[in-house]
Amino acid sequence: MSLDEQYQQIIEEQRTHLLQLQDAFNKACETAKTEAKQKMAKIPEADKEAQQAVLIEQKKKLEEALATLKTAVRESTKNTMHKLEGIVMQKEVSEISRIEMEIEKLAPSVEQLHKQEQKQ
């Protein structure tokens, strides 16, 4: 697999992973919402303290889900960037080697031209 193909594969894998993280986050949010709804249905309308407690619990679960998502995205992005930087470095080294080979091929021709100019 070429370096360009590896680069694209890593990007696609990261995209897929981010979508999975988003799905997990959405499920956690939906679960928190459903659980809160079920608990609220059991609480009398007049019991504002109990309702408030359910909402506070729901908020805590949502904040935990968000913190988990942020951490996972940060780590995944960091790892992906490290991989992509490695591929870019490989491409740069390859390009430098190619340029050095071209220079070596041209060096005798340049040297001959220089000698011819000196003779004239």
PDB file of N, CA and C in Angstrom:
ATOM      1  N   MET A   1       0.848  -1.171   0.000  1.00  0.00           N
ATOM      2  CA  MET A   1       0.000   0.000   0.000  1.00  0.00           C
ATOM      3  C   MET A   1       0.899   1.242   0.000  1.00  0.00           C
ATOM      4  N   SER A   2       0.568   2.174  -0.871  1.00  0.00           N
ATOM      5  CA  SER A   2       1.383   3.397  -0.955  1.00  0.00           C
ATOM      6  C   SER A   2       1.166   4.269   0.273  1.00  0.00           C
ATOM      7  N   LEU A   3       2.070   5.223   0.448  1.00  0.00           N
ATOM      8  CA  LEU A   3       1.954   6.139   1.589  1.00  0.00           C
ATOM      9  C   LEU A   3       0.676   6.970   1.491  1.00  0.00           C
ATOM     10  N   ASP A   4       0.328   7.381   0.270  1.00  0.00           N
ATOM     11  CA  ASP A   4      -0.915   8.149   0.091  1.00  0.00           C
ATOM     12  C   ASP A   4      -2.131   7.302   0.464  1.00  0.00           C
ATOM     13  N   GLU A   5      -2.103   6.040   0.092  1.00  0.00           N
ATOM     14  CA  GLU A   5      -3.209   5.143   0.441  1.00  0.00           C
ATOM     15  C   GLU A   5      -3.269   4.909   1.948  1.00  0.00           C
ATOM     16  N   GLN A   6      -2.106   4.762   2.569  1.00  0.00           N
ATOM     17  CA  GLN A   6      -2.065   4.601   4.027  1.00  0.00           C
ATOM     18  C   GLN A   6      -2.634   5.848   4.713  1.00  0.00           C
ATOM     19  N   TYR A   7      -2.258   7.002   4.210  1.00  0.00           N
ATOM     20  CA  TYR A   7      -2.732   8.275   4.760  1.00  0.00           C
ATOM     21  C   TYR A   7      -4.252   8.339   4.691  1.00  0.00           C
ATOM     22  N   GLN A   8      -4.791   8.025   3.516  1.00  0.00           N
ATOM     23  CA  GLN A   8      -6.247   8.053   3.334  1.00  0.00           C
ATOM     24  C   GLN A   8      -6.943   7.006   4.198  1.00  0.00           C
ATOM     25  N   GLN A   9      -6.323   5.851   4.343  1.00  0.00           N
ATOM     26  CA  GLN A   9      -6.910   4.796   5.176  1.00  0.00           C
ATOM     27  C   GLN A   9      -6.987   5.248   6.637  1.00  0.00           C
ATOM     28  N   ILE A  10      -5.939   5.885   7.119  1.00  0.00           N
ATOM     29  CA  ILE A  10      -5.929   6.374   8.503  1.00  0.00           C
ATOM     30  C   ILE A  10      -7.020   7.426   8.701  1.00  0.00           C
ATOM     31  N   ILE A  11      -7.166   8.312   7.737  1.00  0.00           N
ATOM     32  CA  ILE A  11      -8.210   9.343   7.824  1.00  0.00           C
ATOM     33  C   ILE A  11      -9.587   8.687   7.854  1.00  0.00           C
ATOM     34  N   GLU A  12      -9.799   7.715   7.004  1.00  0.00           N
ATOM     35  CA  GLU A  12     -11.098   7.030   6.964  1.00  0.00           C
ATOM     36  C   GLU A  12     -11.361   6.266   8.263  1.00  0.00           C
ATOM     37  N   GLU A  13     -10.328   5.625   8.800  1.00  0.00           N
ATOM     38  CA  GLU A  13     -10.481   4.916  10.077  1.00  0.00           C
ATOM     39  C   GLU A  13     -10.841   5.898  11.194  1.00  0.00           C
ATOM     40  N   GLN A  14     -10.210   7.066  11.191  1.00  0.00           N
ATOM     41  CA  GLN A  14     -10.513   8.082  12.207  1.00  0.00           C
ATOM     42  C   GLN A  14     -11.944   8.571  12.054  1.00  0.00           C
ATOM     43  N   ARG A  15     -12.358   8.795  10.834  1.00  0.00           N
ATOM     44  CA  ARG A  15     -13.727   9.243  10.578  1.00  0.00           C
ATOM     45  C   ARG A  15     -14.726   8.207  11.103  1.00  0.00           C
ATOM     46  N   THR A  16     -14.487   6.958  10.811  1.00  0.00           N
ATOM     47  CA  THR A  16     -15.353   5.870  11.276  1.00  0.00           C
ATOM     48  C   THR A  16     -15.367   5.826  12.802  1.00  0.00           C
ATOM     49  N   HIS A  17     -14.194   5.964  13.393  1.00  0.00           N
ATOM     50  CA  HIS A  17     -14.098   5.926  14.856  1.00  0.00           C
ATOM     51  C   HIS A  17     -14.862   7.097  15.482  1.00  0.00           C
ATOM     52  N   LEU A  18     -14.739   8.272  14.897  1.00  0.00           N
ATOM     53  CA  LEU A  18     -15.453   9.439  15.422  1.00  0.00           C
ATOM     54  C   LEU A  18     -16.967   9.248  15.321  1.00  0.00           C
ATOM     55  N   LEU A  19     -17.411   8.629  14.242  1.00  0.00           N
ATOM     56  CA  LEU A  19     -18.845   8.338  14.112  1.00  0.00           C
ATOM     57  C   LEU A  19     -19.305   7.346  15.177  1.00  0.00           C
ATOM     58  N   GLN A  20     -18.457   6.370  15.492  1.00  0.00           N
ATOM     59  CA  GLN A  20     -18.783   5.412  16.553  1.00  0.00           C
ATOM     60  C   GLN A  20     -18.856   6.118  17.910  1.00  0.00           C
ATOM     61  N   LEU A  21     -17.914   7.019  18.147  1.00  0.00           N
ATOM     62  CA  LEU A  21     -17.934   7.789  19.395  1.00  0.00           C
ATOM     63  C   LEU A  21     -19.201   8.641  19.485  1.00  0.00           C
ATOM     64  N   GLN A  22     -19.570   9.235  18.369  1.00  0.00           N
ATOM     65  CA  GLN A  22     -20.781  10.049  18.341  1.00  0.00           C
ATOM     66  C   GLN A  22     -22.011   9.187  18.636  1.00  0.00           C
ATOM     67  N   ASP A  23     -22.073   8.000  18.040  1.00  0.00           N
ATOM     68  CA  ASP A  23     -23.195   7.089  18.304  1.00  0.00           C
ATOM     69  C   ASP A  23     -23.258   6.713  19.780  1.00  0.00           C
ATOM     70  N   ALA A  24     -22.106   6.402  20.364  1.00  0.00           N
ATOM     71  CA  ALA A  24     -22.066   6.040  21.783  1.00  0.00           C
ATOM     72  C   ALA A  24     -22.530   7.212  22.652  1.00  0.00           C
ATOM     73  N   PHE A  25     -22.107   8.411  22.288  1.00  0.00           N
ATOM     74  CA  PHE A  25     -22.524   9.601  23.024  1.00  0.00           C
ATOM     75  C   PHE A  25     -24.037   9.799  22.900  1.00  0.00           C
ATOM     76  N   ASN A  26     -24.539   9.677  21.680  1.00  0.00           N
ATOM     77  CA  ASN A  26     -25.981   9.845  21.463  1.00  0.00           C
ATOM     78  C   ASN A  26     -26.783   8.813  22.262  1.00  0.00           C
ATOM     79  N   LYS A  27     -26.299   7.583  22.313  1.00  0.00           N
ATOM     80  CA  LYS A  27     -26.983   6.531  23.079  1.00  0.00           C
ATOM     81  C   LYS A  27     -26.967   6.855  24.575  1.00  0.00           C
ATOM     82  N   ALA A  28     -25.843   7.329  25.069  1.00  0.00           N
ATOM     83  CA  ALA A  28     -25.750   7.692  26.491  1.00  0.00           C
ATOM     84  C   ALA A  28     -26.718   8.824  26.817  1.00  0.00           C
ATOM     85  N   CYS A  29     -26.809   9.791  25.919  1.00  0.00           N
ATOM     86  CA  CYS A  29     -27.740  10.907  26.135  1.00  0.00           C
ATOM     87  C   CYS A  29     -29.187  10.416  26.100  1.00  0.00           C
ATOM     88  N   GLU A  30     -29.488   9.567  25.159  1.00  0.00           N
ATOM     89  CA  GLU A  30     -30.842   9.036  25.040  1.00  0.00           C
ATOM     90  C   GLU A  30     -31.203   8.193  26.260  1.00  0.00           C
ATOM     91  N   THR A  31     -30.252   7.405  26.741  1.00  0.00           N
ATOM     92  CA  THR A  31     -30.486   6.594  27.934  1.00  0.00           C
ATOM     93  C   THR A  31     -30.751   7.484  29.142  1.00  0.00           C
ATOM     94  N   ALA A  32     -29.960   8.533  29.304  1.00  0.00           N
ATOM     95  CA  ALA A  32     -30.156   9.463  30.423  1.00  0.00           C
ATOM     96  C   ALA A  32     -31.534  10.112  30.338  1.00  0.00           C
ATOM     97  N   LYS A  33     -31.917  10.485  29.128  1.00  0.00           N
ATOM     98  CA  LYS A  33     -33.224  11.117  28.917  1.00  0.00           C
ATOM     99  C   LYS A  33     -34.360  10.140  29.249  1.00  0.00           C
ATOM    100  N   THR A  34     -34.250   8.915  28.761  1.00  0.00           N
ATOM    101  CA  THR A  34     -35.289   7.904  28.995  1.00  0.00           C
ATOM    102  C   THR A  34     -35.412   7.577  30.477  1.00  0.00           C
ATOM    103  N   GLU A  35     -34.269   7.401  31.130  1.00  0.00           N
ATOM    104  CA  GLU A  35     -34.296   7.098  32.568  1.00  0.00           C
ATOM    105  C   GLU A  35     -34.929   8.243  33.361  1.00  0.00           C
ATOM    106  N   ALA A  36     -34.582   9.463  33.008  1.00  0.00           N
ATOM    107  CA  ALA A  36     -35.143  10.627  33.705  1.00  0.00           C
ATOM    108  C   ALA A  36     -36.656  10.697  33.473  1.00  0.00           C
ATOM    109  N   LYS A  37     -37.062  10.428  32.258  1.00  0.00           N
ATOM    110  CA  LYS A  37     -38.492  10.463  31.925  1.00  0.00           C
ATOM    111  C   LYS A  37     -39.261   9.423  32.744  1.00  0.00           C
ATOM    112  N   GLN A  38     -38.683   8.214  32.846  1.00  0.00           N
ATOM    113  CA  GLN A  38     -39.329   7.142  33.607  1.00  0.00           C
ATOM    114  C   GLN A  38     -39.424   7.507  35.093  1.00  0.00           C
ATOM    115  N   LYS A  39     -38.359   8.072  35.621  1.00  0.00           N
ATOM    116  CA  LYS A  39     -38.368   8.471  37.037  1.00  0.00           C
ATOM    117  C   LYS A  39     -39.354   9.605  37.276  1.00  0.00           C
ATOM    118  N   MET A  40     -39.401  10.561  36.366  1.00  0.00           N
ATOM    119  CA  MET A  40     -40.316  11.695  36.509  1.00  0.00           C
ATOM    120  C   MET A  40     -41.774  11.230  36.486  1.00  0.00           C
ATOM    121  N   ALA A  41     -42.047  10.202  35.703  1.00  0.00           N
ATOM    122  CA  ALA A  41     -43.419   9.695  35.599  1.00  0.00           C
ATOM    123  C   ALA A  41     -43.896   9.117  36.932  1.00  0.00           C
ATOM    124  N   LYS A  42     -42.962   8.648  37.752  1.00  0.00           N
ATOM    125  CA  LYS A  42     -43.310   8.046  39.047  1.00  0.00           C
ATOM    126  C   LYS A  42     -43.404   9.080  40.173  1.00  0.00           C
ATOM    127  N   ILE A  43     -42.971  10.290  39.905  1.00  0.00           N
ATOM    128  CA  ILE A  43     -42.938  11.334  40.943  1.00  0.00           C
ATOM    129  C   ILE A  43     -44.216  12.175  40.846  1.00  0.00           C
ATOM    130  N   PRO A  44     -44.861  12.407  41.972  1.00  0.00           N
ATOM    131  CA  PRO A  44     -46.051  13.272  41.954  1.00  0.00           C
ATOM    132  C   PRO A  44     -45.671  14.680  41.468  1.00  0.00           C
ATOM    133  N   GLU A  45     -46.583  15.298  40.761  1.00  0.00           N
ATOM    134  CA  GLU A  45     -46.331  16.618  40.186  1.00  0.00           C
ATOM    135  C   GLU A  45     -46.006  17.663  41.247  1.00  0.00           C
ATOM    136  N   ALA A  46     -46.516  17.494  42.420  1.00  0.00           N
ATOM    137  CA  ALA A  46     -46.298  18.464  43.499  1.00  0.00           C
ATOM    138  C   ALA A  46     -44.913  18.332  44.144  1.00  0.00           C
ATOM    139  N   ASP A  47     -44.234  17.203  43.928  1.00  0.00           N
ATOM    140  CA  ASP A  47     -42.929  16.946  44.569  1.00  0.00           C
ATOM    141  C   ASP A  47     -41.797  17.549  43.719  1.00  0.00           C
ATOM    142  N   LYS A  48     -41.646  18.848  43.841  1.00  0.00           N
ATOM    143  CA  LYS A  48     -40.646  19.576  43.038  1.00  0.00           C
ATOM    144  C   LYS A  48     -39.211  19.202  43.407  1.00  0.00           C
ATOM    145  N   GLU A  49     -38.980  18.882  44.665  1.00  0.00           N
ATOM    146  CA  GLU A  49     -37.626  18.495  45.094  1.00  0.00           C
ATOM    147  C   GLU A  49     -37.191  17.197  44.434  1.00  0.00           C
ATOM    148  N   ALA A  50     -38.076  16.234  44.385  1.00  0.00           N
ATOM    149  CA  ALA A  50     -37.753  14.953  43.754  1.00  0.00           C
ATOM    150  C   ALA A  50     -37.541  15.143  42.251  1.00  0.00           C
ATOM    151  N   GLN A  51     -38.364  15.988  41.642  1.00  0.00           N
ATOM    152  CA  GLN A  51     -38.191  16.281  40.219  1.00  0.00           C
ATOM    153  C   GLN A  51     -36.841  16.950  39.969  1.00  0.00           C
ATOM    154  N   GLN A  52     -36.505  17.874  40.835  1.00  0.00           N
ATOM    155  CA  GLN A  52     -35.214  18.572  40.715  1.00  0.00           C
ATOM    156  C   GLN A  52     -34.058  17.584  40.853  1.00  0.00           C
ATOM    157  N   ALA A  53     -34.189  16.651  41.779  1.00  0.00           N
ATOM    158  CA  ALA A  53     -33.141  15.638  41.978  1.00  0.00           C
ATOM    159  C   ALA A  53     -32.961  14.784  40.727  1.00  0.00           C
ATOM    160  N   VAL A  54     -34.056  14.424  40.076  1.00  0.00           N
ATOM    161  CA  VAL A  54     -33.979  13.637  38.838  1.00  0.00           C
ATOM    162  C   VAL A  54     -33.273  14.445  37.757  1.00  0.00           C
ATOM    163  N   LEU A  55     -33.602  15.712  37.641  1.00  0.00           N
ATOM    164  CA  LEU A  55     -32.973  16.561  36.625  1.00  0.00           C
ATOM    165  C   LEU A  55     -31.486  16.754  36.898  1.00  0.00           C
ATOM    166  N   ILE A  56     -31.144  16.884  38.166  1.00  0.00           N
ATOM    167  CA  ILE A  56     -29.723  17.018  38.530  1.00  0.00           C
ATOM    168  C   ILE A  56     -28.972  15.734  38.173  1.00  0.00           C
ATOM    169  N   GLU A  57     -29.588  14.600  38.461  1.00  0.00           N
ATOM    170  CA  GLU A  57     -28.969  13.307  38.125  1.00  0.00           C
ATOM    171  C   GLU A  57     -28.807  13.173  36.608  1.00  0.00           C
ATOM    172  N   GLN A  58     -29.831  13.574  35.861  1.00  0.00           N
ATOM    173  CA  GLN A  58     -29.760  13.518  34.396  1.00  0.00           C
ATOM    174  C   GLN A  58     -28.632  14.421  33.888  1.00  0.00           C
ATOM    175  N   LYS A  59     -28.551  15.615  34.425  1.00  0.00           N
ATOM    176  CA  LYS A  59     -27.498  16.546  34.016  1.00  0.00           C
ATOM    177  C   LYS A  59     -26.123  15.959  34.288  1.00  0.00           C
ATOM    178  N   LYS A  60     -25.955  15.325  35.438  1.00  0.00           N
ATOM    179  CA  LYS A  60     -24.674  14.706  35.781  1.00  0.00           C
ATOM    180  C   LYS A  60     -24.315  13.614  34.770  1.00  0.00           C
ATOM    181  N   LYS A  61     -25.288  12.789  34.420  1.00  0.00           N
ATOM    182  CA  LYS A  61     -25.034  11.720  33.438  1.00  0.00           C
ATOM    183  C   LYS A  61     -24.669  12.302  32.077  1.00  0.00           C
ATOM    184  N   LEU A  62     -25.346  13.368  31.683  1.00  0.00           N
ATOM    185  CA  LEU A  62     -25.042  14.008  30.400  1.00  0.00           C
ATOM    186  C   LEU A  62     -23.650  14.635  30.411  1.00  0.00           C
ATOM    187  N   GLU A  63     -23.284  15.258  31.519  1.00  0.00           N
ATOM    188  CA  GLU A  63     -21.944  15.846  31.629  1.00  0.00           C
ATOM    189  C   GLU A  63     -20.866  14.767  31.595  1.00  0.00           C
ATOM    190  N   GLU A  64     -21.133  13.620  32.232  1.00  0.00           N
ATOM    191  CA  GLU A  64     -20.183  12.502  32.198  1.00  0.00           C
ATOM    192  C   GLU A  64     -20.034  11.962  30.779  1.00  0.00           C
ATOM    193  N   ALA A  65     -21.158  11.848  30.082  1.00  0.00           N
ATOM    194  CA  ALA A  65     -21.108  11.377  28.695  1.00  0.00           C
ATOM    195  C   ALA A  65     -20.306  12.339  27.828  1.00  0.00           C
ATOM    196  N   LEU A  66     -20.511  13.631  28.040  1.00  0.00           N
ATOM    197  CA  LEU A  66     -19.776  14.637  27.273  1.00  0.00           C
ATOM    198  C   LEU A  66     -18.281  14.593  27.597  1.00  0.00           C
ATOM    199  N   ALA A  67     -17.953  14.453  28.859  1.00  0.00           N
ATOM    200  CA  ALA A  67     -16.538  14.370  29.258  1.00  0.00           C
ATOM    201  C   ALA A  67     -15.880  13.133  28.641  1.00  0.00           C
ATOM    202  N   THR A  68     -16.608  12.021  28.642  1.00  0.00           N
ATOM    203  CA  THR A  68     -16.089  10.793  28.035  1.00  0.00           C
ATOM    204  C   THR A  68     -15.858  10.994  26.543  1.00  0.00           C
ATOM    205  N   LEU A  69     -16.819  11.625  25.889  1.00  0.00           N
ATOM    206  CA  LEU A  69     -16.690  11.890  24.451  1.00  0.00           C
ATOM    207  C   LEU A  69     -15.481  12.780  24.176  1.00  0.00           C
ATOM    208  N   LYS A  70     -15.348  13.861  24.923  1.00  0.00           N
ATOM    209  CA  LYS A  70     -14.224  14.782  24.713  1.00  0.00           C
ATOM    210  C   LYS A  70     -12.880  14.088  24.892  1.00  0.00           C
ATOM    211  N   THR A  71     -12.775  13.276  25.934  1.00  0.00           N
ATOM    212  CA  THR A  71     -11.523  12.561  26.195  1.00  0.00           C
ATOM    213  C   THR A  71     -11.211  11.591  25.062  1.00  0.00           C
ATOM    214  N   ALA A  72     -12.216  10.843  24.640  1.00  0.00           N
ATOM    215  CA  ALA A  72     -12.012   9.861  23.564  1.00  0.00           C
ATOM    216  C   ALA A  72     -11.628  10.549  22.259  1.00  0.00           C
ATOM    217  N   VAL A  73     -12.281  11.653  21.939  1.00  0.00           N
ATOM    218  CA  VAL A  73     -11.962  12.383  20.706  1.00  0.00           C
ATOM    219  C   VAL A  73     -10.551  12.962  20.781  1.00  0.00           C
ATOM    220  N   ARG A  74     -10.197  13.521  21.925  1.00  0.00           N
ATOM    221  CA  ARG A  74      -8.863  14.097  22.091  1.00  0.00           C
ATOM    222  C   ARG A  74      -7.779  13.030  21.904  1.00  0.00           C
ATOM    223  N   GLU A  75      -7.937  11.896  22.566  1.00  0.00           N
ATOM    224  CA  GLU A  75      -6.945  10.824  22.472  1.00  0.00           C
ATOM    225  C   GLU A  75      -6.875  10.256  21.055  1.00  0.00           C
ATOM    226  N   SER A  76      -8.021  10.025  20.469  1.00  0.00           N
ATOM    227  CA  SER A  76      -8.067   9.476  19.121  1.00  0.00           C
ATOM    228  C   SER A  76      -7.435  10.428  18.112  1.00  0.00           C
ATOM    229  N   THR A  77      -7.736  11.699  18.242  1.00  0.00           N
ATOM    230  CA  THR A  77      -7.174  12.700  17.337  1.00  0.00           C
ATOM    231  C   THR A  77      -5.658  12.781  17.503  1.00  0.00           C
ATOM    232  N   LYS A  78      -5.208  12.755  18.752  1.00  0.00           N
ATOM    233  CA  LYS A  78      -3.767  12.801  19.019  1.00  0.00           C
ATOM    234  C   LYS A  78      -3.063  11.603  18.372  1.00  0.00           C
ATOM    235  N   ASN A  79      -3.624  10.424  18.554  1.00  0.00           N
ATOM    236  CA  ASN A  79      -3.022   9.218  17.969  1.00  0.00           C
ATOM    237  C   ASN A  79      -3.044   9.261  16.445  1.00  0.00           C
ATOM    238  N   THR A  80      -4.146   9.736  15.898  1.00  0.00           N
ATOM    239  CA  THR A  80      -4.258   9.818  14.440  1.00  0.00           C
ATOM    240  C   THR A  80      -3.252  10.826  13.879  1.00  0.00           C
ATOM    241  N   MET A  81      -3.125  11.966  14.530  1.00  0.00           N
ATOM    242  CA  MET A  81      -2.168  12.972  14.071  1.00  0.00           C
ATOM    243  C   MET A  81      -0.742  12.419  14.109  1.00  0.00           C
ATOM    244  N   HIS A  82      -0.438  11.656  15.148  1.00  0.00           N
ATOM    245  CA  HIS A  82       0.894  11.047  15.253  1.00  0.00           C
ATOM    246  C   HIS A  82       1.143  10.109  14.063  1.00  0.00           C
ATOM    247  N   LYS A  83       0.153   9.296  13.736  1.00  0.00           N
ATOM    248  CA  LYS A  83       0.278   8.373  12.600  1.00  0.00           C
ATOM    249  C   LYS A  83       0.443   9.143  11.292  1.00  0.00           C
ATOM    250  N   LEU A  84      -0.366  10.182  11.107  1.00  0.00           N
ATOM    251  CA  LEU A  84      -0.294  10.962   9.871  1.00  0.00           C
ATOM    252  C   LEU A  84       1.035  11.701   9.751  1.00  0.00           C
ATOM    253  N   GLU A  85       1.535  12.206  10.856  1.00  0.00           N
ATOM    254  CA  GLU A  85       2.841  12.879  10.837  1.00  0.00           C
ATOM    255  C   GLU A  85       3.936  11.897  10.432  1.00  0.00           C
ATOM    256  N   GLY A  86       3.825  10.659  10.907  1.00  0.00           N
ATOM    257  CA  GLY A  86       4.800   9.639  10.522  1.00  0.00           C
ATOM    258  C   GLY A  86       4.789   9.384   9.028  1.00  0.00           C
ATOM    259  N   ILE A  87       3.612   9.332   8.443  1.00  0.00           N
ATOM    260  CA  ILE A  87       3.506   9.107   6.994  1.00  0.00           C
ATOM    261  C   ILE A  87       4.055  10.305   6.233  1.00  0.00           C
ATOM    262  N   VAL A  88       3.751  11.512   6.691  1.00  0.00           N
ATOM    263  CA  VAL A  88       4.271  12.717   6.024  1.00  0.00           C
ATOM    264  C   VAL A  88       5.799  12.711   6.080  1.00  0.00           C
ATOM    265  N   MET A  89       6.348  12.329   7.225  1.00  0.00           N
ATOM    266  CA  MET A  89       7.815  12.273   7.341  1.00  0.00           C
ATOM    267  C   MET A  89       8.391  11.251   6.362  1.00  0.00           C
ATOM    268  N   GLN A  90       7.734  10.101   6.248  1.00  0.00           N
ATOM    269  CA  GLN A  90       8.206   9.078   5.303  1.00  0.00           C
ATOM    270  C   GLN A  90       8.177   9.626   3.883  1.00  0.00           C
ATOM    271  N   LYS A  91       7.109  10.351   3.543  1.00  0.00           N
ATOM    272  CA  LYS A  91       7.004  10.929   2.201  1.00  0.00           C
ATOM    273  C   LYS A  91       8.108  11.955   1.978  1.00  0.00           C
ATOM    274  N   GLU A  92       8.396  12.762   2.986  1.00  0.00           N
ATOM    275  CA  GLU A  92       9.442  13.773   2.853  1.00  0.00           C
ATOM    276  C   GLU A  92      10.811  13.122   2.659  1.00  0.00           C
ATOM    277  N   VAL A  93      11.083  12.092   3.450  1.00  0.00           N
ATOM    278  CA  VAL A  93      12.357  11.382   3.321  1.00  0.00           C
ATOM    279  C   VAL A  93      12.474  10.764   1.932  1.00  0.00           C
ATOM    280  N   SER A  94      11.390  10.180   1.459  1.00  0.00           N
ATOM    281  CA  SER A  94      11.378   9.575   0.128  1.00  0.00           C
ATOM    282  C   SER A  94      11.633  10.634  -0.952  1.00  0.00           C
ATOM    283  N   GLU A  95      10.990  11.785  -0.804  1.00  0.00           N
ATOM    284  CA  GLU A  95      11.163  12.856  -1.790  1.00  0.00           C
ATOM    285  C   GLU A  95      12.585  13.412  -1.751  1.00  0.00           C
ATOM    286  N   ILE A  96      13.146  13.562  -0.579  1.00  0.00           N
ATOM    287  CA  ILE A  96      14.527  14.039  -0.456  1.00  0.00           C
ATOM    288  C   ILE A  96      15.489  13.048  -1.110  1.00  0.00           C
ATOM    289  N   SER A  97      15.252  11.764  -0.885  1.00  0.00           N
ATOM    290  CA  SER A  97      16.099  10.736  -1.506  1.00  0.00           C
ATOM    291  C   SER A  97      15.997  10.806  -3.025  1.00  0.00           C
ATOM    292  N   ARG A  98      14.777  10.998  -3.531  1.00  0.00           N
ATOM    293  CA  ARG A  98      14.586  11.088  -4.973  1.00  0.00           C
ATOM    294  C   ARG A  98      15.327  12.304  -5.536  1.00  0.00           C
ATOM    295  N   ILE A  99      15.252  13.418  -4.851  1.00  0.00           N
ATOM    296  CA  ILE A  99      15.927  14.639  -5.308  1.00  0.00           C
ATOM    297  C   ILE A  99      17.442  14.452  -5.273  1.00  0.00           C
ATOM    298  N   GLU A 100      17.938  13.810  -4.216  1.00  0.00           N
ATOM    299  CA  GLU A 100      19.382  13.551  -4.117  1.00  0.00           C
ATOM    300  C   GLU A 100      19.853  12.671  -5.269  1.00  0.00           C
ATOM    301  N   MET A 101      19.048  11.683  -5.632  1.00  0.00           N
ATOM    302  CA  MET A 101      19.417  10.810  -6.759  1.00  0.00           C
ATOM    303  C   MET A 101      19.438  11.608  -8.057  1.00  0.00           C
ATOM    304  N   GLU A 102      18.486  12.497  -8.242  1.00  0.00           N
ATOM    305  CA  GLU A 102      18.455  13.337  -9.441  1.00  0.00           C
ATOM    306  C   GLU A 102      19.691  14.229  -9.500  1.00  0.00           C
ATOM    307  N   ILE A 103      20.052  14.777  -8.358  1.00  0.00           N
ATOM    308  CA  ILE A 103      21.244  15.636  -8.303  1.00  0.00           C
ATOM    309  C   ILE A 103      22.486  14.831  -8.667  1.00  0.00           C
ATOM    310  N   GLU A 104      22.594  13.622  -8.145  1.00  0.00           N
ATOM    311  CA  GLU A 104      23.749  12.768  -8.456  1.00  0.00           C
ATOM    312  C   GLU A 104      23.809  12.452  -9.943  1.00  0.00           C
ATOM    313  N   LYS A 105      22.648  12.262 -10.559  1.00  0.00           N
ATOM    314  CA  LYS A 105      22.616  11.986 -12.002  1.00  0.00           C
ATOM    315  C   LYS A 105      23.051  13.214 -12.798  1.00  0.00           C
ATOM    316  N   LEU A 106      22.664  14.386 -12.321  1.00  0.00           N
ATOM    317  CA  LEU A 106      22.973  15.617 -13.039  1.00  0.00           C
ATOM    318  C   LEU A 106      24.388  16.126 -12.763  1.00  0.00           C
ATOM    319  N   ALA A 107      24.972  15.728 -11.664  1.00  0.00           N
ATOM    320  CA  ALA A 107      26.286  16.248 -11.270  1.00  0.00           C
ATOM    321  C   ALA A 107      27.346  16.042 -12.360  1.00  0.00           C
ATOM    322  N   PRO A 108      27.487  14.846 -12.961  1.00  0.00           N
ATOM    323  CA  PRO A 108      28.511  14.700 -14.011  1.00  0.00           C
ATOM    324  C   PRO A 108      28.252  15.618 -15.212  1.00  0.00           C
ATOM    325  N   SER A 109      27.001  15.785 -15.583  1.00  0.00           N
ATOM    326  CA  SER A 109      26.686  16.655 -16.717  1.00  0.00           C
ATOM    327  C   SER A 109      27.040  18.099 -16.403  1.00  0.00           C
ATOM    328  N   VAL A 110      26.741  18.543 -15.230  1.00  0.00           N
ATOM    329  CA  VAL A 110      27.055  19.913 -14.812  1.00  0.00           C
ATOM    330  C   VAL A 110      28.568  20.096 -14.769  1.00  0.00           C
ATOM    331  N   GLU A 111      29.250  19.082 -14.277  1.00  0.00           N
ATOM    332  CA  GLU A 111      30.713  19.156 -14.192  1.00  0.00           C
ATOM    333  C   GLU A 111      31.319  19.240 -15.588  1.00  0.00           C
ATOM    334  N   GLN A 112      30.797  18.470 -16.538  1.00  0.00           N
ATOM    335  CA  GLN A 112      31.298  18.519 -17.913  1.00  0.00           C
ATOM    336  C   GLN A 112      31.052  19.893 -18.530  1.00  0.00           C
ATOM    337  N   LEU A 113      29.872  20.437 -18.309  1.00  0.00           N
ATOM    338  CA  LEU A 113      29.579  21.769 -18.831  1.00  0.00           C
ATOM    339  C   LEU A 113      30.523  22.806 -18.242  1.00  0.00           C
ATOM    340  N   HIS A 114      30.795  22.691 -16.994  1.00  0.00           N
ATOM    341  CA  HIS A 114      31.698  23.618 -16.310  1.00  0.00           C
ATOM    342  C   HIS A 114      33.102  23.522 -16.918  1.00  0.00           C
ATOM    343  N   LYS A 115      33.571  22.289 -17.174  1.00  0.00           N
ATOM    344  CA  LYS A 115      34.898  22.095 -17.774  1.00  0.00           C
ATOM    345  C   LYS A 115      34.946  22.685 -19.177  1.00  0.00           C
ATOM    346  N   GLN A 116      33.866  22.506 -19.942  1.00  0.00           N
ATOM    347  CA  GLN A 116      33.808  23.044 -21.297  1.00  0.00           C
ATOM    348  C   GLN A 116      33.858  24.559 -21.270  1.00  0.00           C
ATOM    349  N   GLU A 117      33.162  25.145 -20.315  1.00  0.00           N
ATOM    350  CA  GLU A 117      33.168  26.609 -20.199  1.00  0.00           C
ATOM    351  C   GLU A 117      34.564  27.117 -19.842  1.00  0.00           C
ATOM    352  N   GLN A 118      35.289  26.376 -19.022  1.00  0.00           N
ATOM    353  CA  GLN A 118      36.625  26.781 -18.642  1.00  0.00           C
ATOM    354  C   GLN A 118      37.591  26.692 -19.806  1.00  0.00           C
ATOM    355  N   LYS A 119      37.387  25.728 -20.717  1.00  0.00           N
ATOM    356  CA  LYS A 119      38.264  25.567 -21.874  1.00  0.00           C
ATOM    357  C   LYS A 119      38.068  26.708 -22.866  1.00  0.00           C
ATOM    358  N   GLN A 120      36.891  27.247 -22.913  1.00  0.00           N
ATOM    359  CA  GLN A 120      36.606  28.303 -23.899  1.00  0.00           C
ATOM    360  C   GLN A 120      37.068  29.607 -23.414  1.00  0.00           C
TER     361      GLN A 120
END
